[in-house]
Amino acid sequence: MLPLSLLKTAQNHPMLVELKNGETYNGHLVSCDNWMNINLREVICTSRDGDKFWRMPECYIRGSTIKYLRIPDEIIDMVREEAAKGRGRGGPQQQKQQKGRGMGGAGRGVFGGRGRGGIPGAGRGQPEKKPGRQAGKQ
């Protein structure tokens, strides 16, 4: 189970977020992105010492400041069930060997079409130099 899939499933559910600086945020998850930036609603923020509290209608938390997330067990169970039953036709697909752009498969040509690599001396260009002869002198 991947953290981002867990967060996607946890949308509209309560969670606790602790930041690296010690502050905690309790609220309902509204959304998250690939960098784990999250939006919470109906938030109660607690200071590092636990002596100050703030109530906010909503807040945004940058993913790189998060130490950990506490998510209800029911969400974890939902993700496990989803993963166990698969997704049918639209679910995770097997890696198919594709040709063409992106170097996914062998594509056209032998060397993948990236520059003039390959076998040295096999292409056009200057004639082969013979040992003992210097350029310009004959």
N, C-alpha and C. Protein backbone atom coordinates (compact mmCIF):
# COMPACT_ATOMS: atom_id res chain seq x y z
N MET A 1 0.85 -1.17 0.00
CA MET A 1 0.00 0.00 0.00
C MET A 1 0.90 1.24 0.00
N LEU A 2 0.60 2.16 -0.90
CA LEU A 2 1.42 3.36 -1.05
C LEU A 2 0.84 4.52 -0.24
N PRO A 3 1.69 5.39 0.30
CA PRO A 3 1.19 6.50 1.12
C PRO A 3 0.21 7.41 0.40
N LEU A 4 0.47 7.69 -0.88
CA LEU A 4 -0.43 8.60 -1.59
C LEU A 4 -1.78 7.96 -1.85
N SER A 5 -1.81 6.65 -2.12
CA SER A 5 -3.11 6.00 -2.31
C SER A 5 -3.88 5.99 -1.00
N LEU A 6 -3.17 5.87 0.10
CA LEU A 6 -3.80 5.92 1.41
C LEU A 6 -4.41 7.30 1.66
N LEU A 7 -3.68 8.35 1.29
CA LEU A 7 -4.20 9.70 1.47
C LEU A 7 -5.40 9.98 0.58
N LYS A 8 -5.36 9.48 -0.66
CA LYS A 8 -6.50 9.68 -1.57
C LYS A 8 -7.75 9.04 -0.98
N THR A 9 -7.60 7.87 -0.37
CA THR A 9 -8.74 7.18 0.24
C THR A 9 -9.21 7.92 1.49
N ALA A 10 -8.30 8.60 2.18
CA ALA A 10 -8.63 9.27 3.45
C ALA A 10 -9.32 10.61 3.27
N GLN A 11 -9.58 11.03 2.03
CA GLN A 11 -10.23 12.32 1.82
C GLN A 11 -11.60 12.35 2.50
N ASN A 12 -11.91 13.49 3.09
CA ASN A 12 -13.15 13.73 3.85
C ASN A 12 -13.23 12.95 5.15
N HIS A 13 -12.10 12.44 5.63
CA HIS A 13 -12.04 11.74 6.91
C HIS A 13 -11.12 12.53 7.86
N PRO A 14 -11.32 12.37 9.17
CA PRO A 14 -10.47 13.09 10.12
C PRO A 14 -9.06 12.49 10.18
N MET A 15 -8.09 13.34 10.48
CA MET A 15 -6.71 12.87 10.63
C MET A 15 -5.94 13.85 11.50
N LEU A 16 -4.82 13.37 12.02
CA LEU A 16 -3.92 14.20 12.80
C LEU A 16 -2.62 14.31 12.02
N VAL A 17 -2.09 15.52 11.91
CA VAL A 17 -0.83 15.76 11.21
C VAL A 17 0.14 16.38 12.20
N GLU A 18 1.30 15.76 12.38
CA GLU A 18 2.34 16.39 13.20
C GLU A 18 3.43 16.88 12.28
N LEU A 19 3.85 18.12 12.50
CA LEU A 19 4.90 18.73 11.69
C LEU A 19 6.26 18.51 12.34
N LYS A 20 7.30 18.75 11.57
CA LYS A 20 8.67 18.58 12.07
C LYS A 20 8.98 19.55 13.21
N ASN A 21 8.28 20.70 13.25
CA ASN A 21 8.53 21.66 14.32
C ASN A 21 7.74 21.35 15.59
N GLY A 22 6.94 20.27 15.60
CA GLY A 22 6.22 19.85 16.79
C GLY A 22 4.76 20.24 16.85
N GLU A 23 4.32 21.16 16.00
CA GLU A 23 2.91 21.53 15.98
C GLU A 23 2.06 20.38 15.46
N THR A 24 0.82 20.28 15.95
CA THR A 24 -0.10 19.26 15.44
C THR A 24 -1.35 19.93 14.90
N TYR A 25 -1.92 19.31 13.87
CA TYR A 25 -3.14 19.80 13.23
C TYR A 25 -4.14 18.65 13.17
N ASN A 26 -5.32 18.86 13.76
CA ASN A 26 -6.41 17.89 13.68
C ASN A 26 -7.47 18.47 12.76
N GLY A 27 -7.87 17.71 11.75
CA GLY A 27 -8.91 18.20 10.85
C GLY A 27 -9.32 17.13 9.87
N HIS A 28 -10.22 17.51 8.95
CA HIS A 28 -10.69 16.59 7.91
C HIS A 28 -9.90 16.88 6.63
N LEU A 29 -9.39 15.82 6.03
CA LEU A 29 -8.60 15.97 4.80
C LEU A 29 -9.51 16.36 3.65
N VAL A 30 -9.16 17.46 2.98
CA VAL A 30 -9.91 17.91 1.81
C VAL A 30 -9.26 17.38 0.55
N SER A 31 -7.93 17.58 0.43
CA SER A 31 -7.22 17.13 -0.77
C SER A 31 -5.74 16.98 -0.47
N CYS A 32 -5.07 16.27 -1.37
CA CYS A 32 -3.61 16.12 -1.29
C CYS A 32 -3.07 16.01 -2.71
N ASP A 33 -1.78 16.28 -2.87
CA ASP A 33 -1.17 16.14 -4.19
C ASP A 33 0.01 15.19 -4.12
N ASN A 34 0.75 15.07 -5.23
CA ASN A 34 1.85 14.11 -5.32
C ASN A 34 3.03 14.44 -4.41
N TRP A 35 3.11 15.68 -3.92
CA TRP A 35 4.19 16.07 -3.02
C TRP A 35 3.74 16.00 -1.56
N MET A 36 2.55 15.44 -1.33
CA MET A 36 1.95 15.28 -0.02
C MET A 36 1.60 16.63 0.62
N ASN A 37 1.44 17.67 -0.20
CA ASN A 37 0.86 18.91 0.30
C ASN A 37 -0.61 18.60 0.56
N ILE A 38 -1.14 19.06 1.69
CA ILE A 38 -2.51 18.71 2.02
C ILE A 38 -3.32 19.93 2.43
N ASN A 39 -4.62 19.86 2.20
CA ASN A 39 -5.58 20.86 2.66
C ASN A 39 -6.47 20.19 3.69
N LEU A 40 -6.65 20.87 4.83
CA LEU A 40 -7.52 20.37 5.89
C LEU A 40 -8.64 21.39 6.12
N ARG A 41 -9.80 20.91 6.59
CA ARG A 41 -10.89 21.79 7.00
C ARG A 41 -11.28 21.48 8.44
N GLU A 42 -11.94 22.44 9.08
CA GLU A 42 -12.33 22.30 10.49
C GLU A 42 -11.12 21.89 11.34
N VAL A 43 -10.10 22.74 11.33
CA VAL A 43 -8.79 22.41 11.89
C VAL A 43 -8.62 22.97 13.30
N ILE A 44 -8.02 22.16 14.16
CA ILE A 44 -7.56 22.62 15.47
C ILE A 44 -6.05 22.43 15.50
N CYS A 45 -5.34 23.55 15.64
CA CYS A 45 -3.87 23.53 15.68
C CYS A 45 -3.43 23.60 17.14
N THR A 46 -2.46 22.76 17.49
CA THR A 46 -1.91 22.74 18.85
C THR A 46 -0.44 23.10 18.78
N SER A 47 0.01 23.98 19.67
CA SER A 47 1.42 24.38 19.67
C SER A 47 2.31 23.21 20.09
N ARG A 48 3.59 23.39 19.91
CA ARG A 48 4.57 22.36 20.25
C ARG A 48 4.48 21.96 21.72
N ASP A 49 4.29 22.94 22.60
CA ASP A 49 4.22 22.67 24.04
C ASP A 49 2.86 22.14 24.48
N GLY A 50 1.85 22.30 23.63
CA GLY A 50 0.51 21.84 23.98
C GLY A 50 -0.26 22.82 24.84
N ASP A 51 0.25 24.05 24.97
CA ASP A 51 -0.42 25.02 25.83
C ASP A 51 -1.28 26.03 25.05
N LYS A 52 -1.13 26.09 23.72
CA LYS A 52 -1.91 27.02 22.91
C LYS A 52 -2.68 26.24 21.84
N PHE A 53 -3.92 26.70 21.58
CA PHE A 53 -4.77 26.07 20.58
C PHE A 53 -5.35 27.13 19.66
N TRP A 54 -5.49 26.79 18.40
CA TRP A 54 -6.14 27.67 17.44
C TRP A 54 -7.17 26.87 16.67
N ARG A 55 -8.30 27.48 16.41
CA ARG A 55 -9.32 26.86 15.56
C ARG A 55 -9.33 27.62 14.24
N MET A 56 -9.25 26.86 13.12
CA MET A 56 -9.24 27.48 11.80
C MET A 56 -10.26 26.77 10.92
N PRO A 57 -10.93 27.51 10.03
CA PRO A 57 -11.87 26.85 9.13
C PRO A 57 -11.17 25.94 8.12
N GLU A 58 -9.96 26.34 7.71
CA GLU A 58 -9.19 25.52 6.76
C GLU A 58 -7.72 25.89 6.85
N CYS A 59 -6.86 24.99 6.38
CA CYS A 59 -5.42 25.30 6.32
C CYS A 59 -4.75 24.44 5.26
N TYR A 60 -3.59 24.91 4.83
CA TYR A 60 -2.76 24.23 3.83
C TYR A 60 -1.45 23.87 4.51
N ILE A 61 -0.99 22.64 4.32
CA ILE A 61 0.27 22.19 4.92
C ILE A 61 1.18 21.68 3.82
N ARG A 62 2.38 22.23 3.77
CA ARG A 62 3.37 21.78 2.78
C ARG A 62 3.88 20.40 3.17
N GLY A 63 3.96 19.50 2.18
CA GLY A 63 4.33 18.11 2.44
C GLY A 63 5.69 17.93 3.06
N SER A 64 6.66 18.78 2.72
CA SER A 64 8.02 18.61 3.23
C SER A 64 8.13 18.96 4.71
N THR A 65 7.10 19.59 5.29
CA THR A 65 7.15 19.93 6.72
C THR A 65 6.50 18.88 7.60
N ILE A 66 5.90 17.85 6.99
CA ILE A 66 5.15 16.84 7.75
C ILE A 66 6.10 15.80 8.33
N LYS A 67 5.94 15.53 9.63
CA LYS A 67 6.69 14.44 10.27
C LYS A 67 5.92 13.14 10.14
N TYR A 68 4.65 13.14 10.53
CA TYR A 68 3.82 11.95 10.34
C TYR A 68 2.34 12.31 10.30
N LEU A 69 1.55 11.36 9.81
CA LEU A 69 0.10 11.48 9.73
C LEU A 69 -0.52 10.34 10.52
N ARG A 70 -1.54 10.64 11.29
CA ARG A 70 -2.27 9.58 11.99
C ARG A 70 -3.65 9.48 11.34
N ILE A 71 -3.91 8.30 10.76
CA ILE A 71 -5.13 8.07 9.99
C ILE A 71 -5.94 6.98 10.68
N PRO A 72 -7.27 7.09 10.73
CA PRO A 72 -8.09 6.05 11.37
C PRO A 72 -7.88 4.68 10.73
N ASP A 73 -8.00 3.63 11.56
CA ASP A 73 -7.81 2.26 11.08
C ASP A 73 -8.78 1.89 9.97
N GLU A 74 -9.99 2.43 10.01
CA GLU A 74 -10.98 2.08 8.99
C GLU A 74 -10.52 2.47 7.59
N ILE A 75 -9.74 3.55 7.49
CA ILE A 75 -9.22 3.98 6.18
C ILE A 75 -8.20 2.96 5.68
N ILE A 76 -7.34 2.51 6.57
CA ILE A 76 -6.32 1.53 6.20
C ILE A 76 -7.00 0.24 5.74
N ASP A 77 -8.08 -0.16 6.43
CA ASP A 77 -8.82 -1.36 6.03
C ASP A 77 -9.46 -1.18 4.65
N MET A 78 -9.98 0.02 4.38
CA MET A 78 -10.59 0.29 3.08
C MET A 78 -9.56 0.15 1.96
N VAL A 79 -8.35 0.65 2.19
CA VAL A 79 -7.30 0.57 1.16
C VAL A 79 -6.90 -0.89 0.94
N ARG A 80 -6.80 -1.65 2.01
CA ARG A 80 -6.45 -3.07 1.88
C ARG A 80 -7.50 -3.83 1.08
N GLU A 81 -8.78 -3.56 1.35
CA GLU A 81 -9.86 -4.23 0.62
C GLU A 81 -9.81 -3.86 -0.86
N GLU A 82 -9.57 -2.58 -1.14
CA GLU A 82 -9.50 -2.13 -2.53
C GLU A 82 -8.37 -2.82 -3.26
N ALA A 83 -7.22 -2.94 -2.61
CA ALA A 83 -6.06 -3.58 -3.24
C ALA A 83 -6.30 -5.07 -3.43
N ALA A 84 -7.00 -5.70 -2.49
CA ALA A 84 -7.22 -7.15 -2.57
C ALA A 84 -8.16 -7.52 -3.71
N LYS A 85 -9.21 -6.75 -3.91
CA LYS A 85 -10.17 -7.11 -4.96
C LYS A 85 -9.72 -6.65 -6.34
N GLY A 86 -8.68 -5.83 -6.42
CA GLY A 86 -8.22 -5.34 -7.71
C GLY A 86 -9.17 -4.27 -8.21
N ARG A 87 -8.97 -3.85 -9.41
CA ARG A 87 -9.81 -2.79 -9.93
C ARG A 87 -10.52 -3.20 -11.21
N GLY A 88 -10.53 -4.48 -11.56
CA GLY A 88 -11.20 -4.90 -12.79
C GLY A 88 -10.45 -4.41 -14.01
N ARG A 89 -11.20 -3.95 -15.00
CA ARG A 89 -10.59 -3.56 -16.26
C ARG A 89 -9.73 -2.31 -16.15
N GLY A 90 -10.09 -1.39 -15.30
CA GLY A 90 -9.37 -0.12 -15.25
C GLY A 90 -8.24 -0.09 -14.25
N GLY A 91 -7.91 -1.21 -13.65
CA GLY A 91 -6.93 -1.24 -12.57
C GLY A 91 -5.50 -1.26 -13.06
N PRO A 92 -4.60 -1.62 -12.18
CA PRO A 92 -3.19 -1.66 -12.55
C PRO A 92 -2.96 -2.63 -13.69
N GLN A 93 -2.21 -2.19 -14.67
CA GLN A 93 -1.97 -3.02 -15.84
C GLN A 93 -0.55 -3.55 -15.82
N GLN A 94 -0.38 -4.67 -16.51
CA GLN A 94 0.96 -5.24 -16.60
C GLN A 94 1.78 -4.38 -17.54
N GLN A 95 3.08 -4.36 -17.31
CA GLN A 95 3.96 -3.60 -18.18
C GLN A 95 4.01 -4.26 -19.55
N LYS A 96 3.64 -3.52 -20.57
CA LYS A 96 3.69 -4.06 -21.93
C LYS A 96 4.92 -3.49 -22.62
N GLN A 97 5.55 -4.30 -23.41
CA GLN A 97 6.72 -3.86 -24.15
C GLN A 97 6.24 -3.00 -25.31
N GLN A 98 6.49 -1.71 -25.26
CA GLN A 98 6.03 -0.83 -26.31
C GLN A 98 7.19 -0.41 -27.17
N LYS A 99 6.88 -0.13 -28.41
CA LYS A 99 7.90 0.30 -29.34
C LYS A 99 7.69 1.78 -29.64
N GLY A 100 8.68 2.41 -30.22
CA GLY A 100 8.52 3.78 -30.65
C GLY A 100 9.17 4.75 -29.68
N ARG A 101 8.53 5.88 -29.50
CA ARG A 101 9.09 6.94 -28.67
C ARG A 101 9.26 6.54 -27.23
N GLY A 102 10.15 7.22 -26.54
CA GLY A 102 10.31 7.01 -25.11
C GLY A 102 11.25 5.89 -24.75
N MET A 103 11.84 5.23 -25.70
CA MET A 103 12.81 4.16 -25.46
C MET A 103 12.19 3.03 -24.62
N GLY A 104 10.86 2.83 -24.69
CA GLY A 104 10.21 1.78 -23.93
C GLY A 104 10.61 0.41 -24.44
N GLY A 105 10.74 0.27 -25.73
CA GLY A 105 11.13 -1.01 -26.32
C GLY A 105 12.29 -0.78 -27.27
N ALA A 106 12.53 -1.72 -28.16
CA ALA A 106 13.66 -1.59 -29.06
C ALA A 106 13.42 -0.54 -30.13
N GLY A 107 12.15 -0.27 -30.48
CA GLY A 107 11.84 0.78 -31.43
C GLY A 107 12.46 0.54 -32.79
N ARG A 108 12.67 1.63 -33.52
CA ARG A 108 13.27 1.51 -34.84
C ARG A 108 14.78 1.47 -34.74
N GLY A 109 15.38 0.87 -35.72
CA GLY A 109 16.84 0.86 -35.78
C GLY A 109 17.46 0.00 -34.72
N VAL A 110 18.77 -0.07 -34.77
CA VAL A 110 19.48 -0.95 -33.86
C VAL A 110 19.87 -0.23 -32.58
N PHE A 111 20.29 1.03 -32.69
CA PHE A 111 20.87 1.71 -31.54
C PHE A 111 19.92 2.71 -30.88
N GLY A 112 18.64 2.68 -31.22
CA GLY A 112 17.68 3.50 -30.51
C GLY A 112 17.55 4.92 -31.00
N GLY A 113 18.33 5.33 -32.00
CA GLY A 113 18.16 6.63 -32.58
C GLY A 113 18.61 7.79 -31.73
N ARG A 114 19.53 7.60 -30.83
CA ARG A 114 20.01 8.70 -29.99
C ARG A 114 21.44 9.03 -30.40
N GLY A 115 21.60 9.96 -31.30
CA GLY A 115 22.93 10.38 -31.69
C GLY A 115 23.60 9.41 -32.65
N ARG A 116 24.93 9.53 -32.75
CA ARG A 116 25.66 8.73 -33.73
C ARG A 116 26.47 7.65 -33.05
N GLY A 117 25.95 7.06 -32.03
CA GLY A 117 26.68 5.99 -31.35
C GLY A 117 26.70 4.73 -32.19
N GLY A 118 27.08 3.66 -31.59
CA GLY A 118 27.08 2.40 -32.32
C GLY A 118 28.49 1.89 -32.52
N ILE A 119 28.70 1.24 -33.65
CA ILE A 119 30.00 0.64 -33.93
C ILE A 119 30.93 1.72 -34.47
N PRO A 120 32.09 1.93 -33.83
CA PRO A 120 33.01 2.96 -34.31
C PRO A 120 33.54 2.64 -35.71
N GLY A 121 33.57 3.66 -36.56
CA GLY A 121 34.13 3.49 -37.89
C GLY A 121 33.21 2.81 -38.87
N ALA A 122 31.98 2.55 -38.50
CA ALA A 122 31.08 1.83 -39.39
C ALA A 122 30.27 2.78 -40.27
N GLY A 123 30.24 4.05 -39.93
CA GLY A 123 29.41 4.98 -40.70
C GLY A 123 30.22 5.75 -41.71
N ARG A 124 29.58 6.78 -42.27
CA ARG A 124 30.30 7.64 -43.20
C ARG A 124 31.28 8.50 -42.43
N GLY A 125 32.09 9.20 -43.13
CA GLY A 125 33.04 10.07 -42.46
C GLY A 125 34.37 10.00 -43.16
N GLN A 126 35.43 10.30 -42.46
CA GLN A 126 36.75 10.32 -43.06
C GLN A 126 37.24 8.90 -43.28
N PRO A 127 38.06 8.74 -44.32
CA PRO A 127 38.60 7.40 -44.57
C PRO A 127 39.48 6.95 -43.41
N GLU A 128 39.64 5.67 -43.35
CA GLU A 128 40.40 5.05 -42.27
C GLU A 128 41.86 5.51 -42.33
N LYS A 129 42.44 5.87 -41.19
CA LYS A 129 43.84 6.28 -41.12
C LYS A 129 44.70 5.05 -41.00
N LYS A 130 45.80 5.06 -41.72
CA LYS A 130 46.71 3.92 -41.65
C LYS A 130 47.85 4.26 -40.71
N PRO A 131 48.32 3.29 -39.95
CA PRO A 131 49.42 3.56 -39.02
C PRO A 131 50.69 3.99 -39.77
N GLY A 132 51.43 4.92 -39.17
CA GLY A 132 52.70 5.35 -39.75
C GLY A 132 52.55 6.55 -40.66
N ARG A 133 51.39 6.88 -41.08
CA ARG A 133 51.20 8.04 -41.95
C ARG A 133 50.62 9.18 -41.13
N GLN A 134 51.11 10.36 -41.33
CA GLN A 134 50.59 11.52 -40.63
C GLN A 134 49.76 12.35 -41.60
N ALA A 135 48.80 13.04 -41.07
CA ALA A 135 47.94 13.87 -41.91
C ALA A 135 48.76 15.02 -42.47
N GLY A 136 48.60 15.32 -43.75
CA GLY A 136 49.29 16.43 -44.38
C GLY A 136 50.60 16.02 -45.04
N LYS A 137 51.28 14.99 -44.60
CA LYS A 137 52.54 14.55 -45.20
C LYS A 137 52.30 13.29 -46.00
N GLN A 138 52.91 13.23 -47.19
CA GLN A 138 52.75 12.02 -47.98
C GLN A 138 54.04 11.52 -48.54
